[in-house]
Every structure is written in C-alpha cells, then in structure tokens.
Amino acid sequence: MSATRRALAGTAVCSAVLLALTGCEQAKQKASDISASAQQRMRDVAHGIDATKDVTAGPSTTASDGRAVATITVTNRGDKTSDFTAWVNFRDASGNLLDAVVLNIDGVGPGAVKSATARSNRKLSGTTKAEVAQALRH
C-alpha cells in the first residue's frame, strides 16, 4: 500500500472514530475538523494536478447500512493513464457539511471514464447531497 493510500485510509478511520464518539450536534461542529483532515490528505498527494472539473458526483442515496453513498465519475482528459484522488463532501438539504471522504480512482486511461462509490463514514439521516470539493490527477 502506497504512503498516499495509507494516509487516505487513516483519514477515513479517524473521521469515523471522531464522528462515532460525538452526538449529532457535536458531529456537525466537528465537520470542520473532518474537512480540515480531508484537505490535509489532499495536500499529501504527490505531484497532483487540479482535476476538479473532470470529476463529478452523482445523486446521493442511502445504503442499507444507513450511510450516504454517491457515484463519483472521473474523465481523464490527460494523455496518459492516471490515478485520481477526490475529496467528496456530504451536505444536508440546508447545505451544512455532515461528512467528508477522500477516495482514489486508480488506473484511468487517457480519454477514459471511470467511476467509484463515495461512502460516508457514518449513518446520515435526511436528504444528503454529495459534492466534489477538490480532485487531483496524479
């Protein structure tokens, strides 16, 4: 496992533990901490090029385990096979940040489109919307 993957996996675990230890209101207050953690993980991606315009989030739904899920789709507009790292926020109907995840979509060929599933770190109630906060091609 690469250092980038270990760092990203650590973010997901830390976020899940942080949210599991807090109540609903406290979780909303901690959302900025989660966002800061995701932002740091994005900074850790070596040689990343901004690719936010090449990554989209589909509609958010609720999985059987109560977590929010959304399909994240990448279009590689580059001329070589690349990996992508995407920071995805889950927001409520009012736009409040509920959760954030960072995921990798690896081995996307030039001109190819590839998808992966972003899954919240915890159960989220109500209507949620997934949005790509930042994406990097590397």
Protein backbone atom coordinates (compact mmCIF):
# COMPACT_ATOMS: atom_id res chain seq x y z
CA MET A 1 0.00 0.00 0.00
CA SER A 2 1.44 3.37 -1.00
CA ALA A 3 2.03 6.14 1.51
CA THR A 4 -0.77 8.15 -0.10
CA ARG A 5 -3.23 5.26 0.25
CA ARG A 6 -2.22 4.71 3.90
CA ALA A 7 -2.72 8.40 4.64
CA LEU A 8 -6.13 8.41 2.95
CA ALA A 9 -7.19 5.24 4.79
CA GLY A 10 -6.09 6.86 8.05
CA THR A 11 -8.28 9.87 7.34
CA ALA A 12 -11.35 7.70 6.83
CA VAL A 13 -10.72 5.79 10.06
CA CYS A 14 -10.05 8.94 12.07
CA SER A 15 -13.18 10.59 10.68
CA ALA A 16 -15.32 7.57 11.50
CA VAL A 17 -13.98 7.36 15.06
CA LEU A 18 -14.39 11.09 15.63
CA LEU A 19 -17.99 11.03 14.49
CA ALA A 20 -18.82 7.85 16.38
CA LEU A 21 -17.67 9.46 19.61
CA THR A 22 -19.83 12.56 19.27
CA GLY A 23 -23.54 13.28 19.25
CA CYS A 24 -25.41 14.68 16.28
CA GLU A 25 -24.90 18.35 17.15
CA GLN A 26 -21.30 17.78 18.12
CA ALA A 27 -20.77 15.92 14.85
CA LYS A 28 -21.89 18.99 12.93
CA GLN A 29 -19.46 21.10 14.94
CA LYS A 30 -16.68 18.61 14.19
CA ALA A 31 -17.44 18.69 10.47
CA SER A 32 -14.92 21.48 10.01
CA ASP A 33 -12.29 19.27 11.64
CA ILE A 34 -13.14 16.49 9.21
CA SER A 35 -12.96 18.93 6.33
CA ALA A 36 -9.53 20.11 7.51
CA SER A 37 -8.37 16.49 7.72
CA ALA A 38 -9.57 15.80 4.17
CA GLN A 39 -7.84 18.96 2.97
CA GLN A 40 -4.58 17.81 4.57
CA ARG A 41 -4.87 14.42 2.85
CA MET A 42 -5.26 16.20 -0.47
CA ARG A 43 -2.10 18.19 0.25
CA ASP A 44 -0.27 14.89 0.82
CA VAL A 45 -0.89 13.74 -2.77
CA ALA A 46 2.46 13.97 -4.53
CA HIS A 47 2.58 15.69 -7.91
CA GLY A 48 -1.19 16.21 -8.07
CA ILE A 49 -2.69 18.39 -10.78
CA ASP A 50 -6.07 20.05 -10.22
CA ALA A 51 -8.72 17.92 -11.89
CA THR A 52 -11.83 19.11 -10.08
CA LYS A 53 -13.57 19.94 -13.36
CA ASP A 54 -13.01 16.33 -14.51
CA VAL A 55 -14.72 14.71 -11.52
CA THR A 56 -18.45 14.73 -10.83
CA ALA A 57 -20.67 13.44 -8.05
CA GLY A 58 -23.92 11.71 -8.85
CA PRO A 59 -27.03 11.86 -6.66
CA SER A 60 -26.61 10.80 -3.05
CA THR A 61 -28.66 7.87 -1.81
CA THR A 62 -28.82 5.94 1.44
CA ALA A 63 -27.32 2.46 1.52
CA SER A 64 -28.83 -0.39 3.55
CA ASP A 65 -26.37 0.38 6.38
CA GLY A 66 -27.67 3.97 6.64
CA ARG A 67 -24.59 5.58 5.10
CA ALA A 68 -24.86 8.10 2.30
CA VAL A 69 -23.37 6.90 -0.98
CA ALA A 70 -22.77 8.59 -4.30
CA THR A 71 -21.17 7.57 -7.57
CA ILE A 72 -18.10 9.64 -8.36
CA THR A 73 -17.19 9.74 -12.04
CA VAL A 74 -13.78 10.71 -13.44
CA THR A 75 -12.96 11.67 -17.02
CA ASN A 76 -9.24 11.52 -17.78
CA ARG A 77 -8.57 14.38 -20.16
CA GLY A 78 -4.82 13.73 -19.96
CA ASP A 79 -2.66 11.85 -22.44
CA LYS A 80 -1.53 9.05 -20.10
CA THR A 81 -3.10 6.66 -17.61
CA SER A 82 -3.55 8.47 -14.30
CA ASP A 83 -4.85 8.00 -10.79
CA PHE A 84 -7.32 10.45 -9.27
CA THR A 85 -7.91 11.43 -5.66
CA ALA A 86 -11.22 13.12 -4.88
CA TRP A 87 -12.44 14.90 -1.76
CA VAL A 88 -16.21 14.47 -1.50
CA ASN A 89 -18.43 16.37 0.94
CA PHE A 90 -21.85 15.17 2.04
CA ARG A 91 -24.19 18.06 2.89
CA ASP A 92 -27.73 18.22 4.24
CA ALA A 93 -30.63 19.99 2.49
CA SER A 94 -29.58 23.29 4.09
CA GLY A 95 -26.01 22.98 2.81
CA ASN A 96 -24.48 22.09 6.18
CA LEU A 97 -21.43 19.84 6.00
CA LEU A 98 -22.24 16.43 7.51
CA ASP A 99 -19.26 14.33 6.46
CA ALA A 100 -16.29 14.27 4.11
CA VAL A 101 -14.40 11.42 2.49
CA VAL A 102 -11.34 11.14 0.30
CA LEU A 103 -11.19 8.35 -2.26
CA ASN A 104 -8.92 7.13 -5.03
CA ILE A 105 -9.90 6.10 -8.51
CA ASP A 106 -6.88 4.38 -10.00
CA GLY A 107 -5.75 3.48 -13.48
CA VAL A 108 -7.94 5.73 -15.60
CA GLY A 109 -6.70 5.54 -19.19
CA PRO A 110 -6.33 8.58 -21.44
CA GLY A 111 -9.75 9.73 -22.59
CA ALA A 112 -11.43 7.09 -20.41
CA VAL A 113 -14.24 7.47 -17.88
CA LYS A 114 -14.25 5.51 -14.62
CA SER A 115 -16.49 5.54 -11.55
CA ALA A 116 -16.21 4.66 -7.87
CA THR A 117 -18.50 4.94 -4.88
CA ALA A 118 -18.03 7.55 -2.15
CA ARG A 119 -19.49 6.31 1.15
CA SER A 120 -19.97 8.46 4.24
CA ASN A 121 -18.08 7.43 7.35
CA ARG A 122 -21.26 7.08 9.38
CA LYS A 123 -25.03 6.94 9.09
CA LEU A 124 -26.54 10.19 7.86
CA SER A 125 -30.22 10.95 8.19
CA GLY A 126 -32.38 13.08 5.96
CA THR A 127 -31.64 14.24 2.46
CA THR A 128 -27.96 14.45 1.60
CA LYS A 129 -26.10 15.80 -1.38
CA ALA A 130 -22.62 14.74 -2.47
CA GLU A 131 -20.28 17.33 -3.95
CA VAL A 132 -16.71 17.19 -5.18
CA ALA A 133 -14.75 19.72 -3.13
CA GLN A 134 -11.44 19.03 -4.84
CA ALA A 135 -9.89 16.42 -7.15
CA LEU A 136 -6.33 15.76 -8.19
CA ARG A 137 -4.89 13.80 -11.09
CA HIS A 138 -1.58 12.12 -10.37
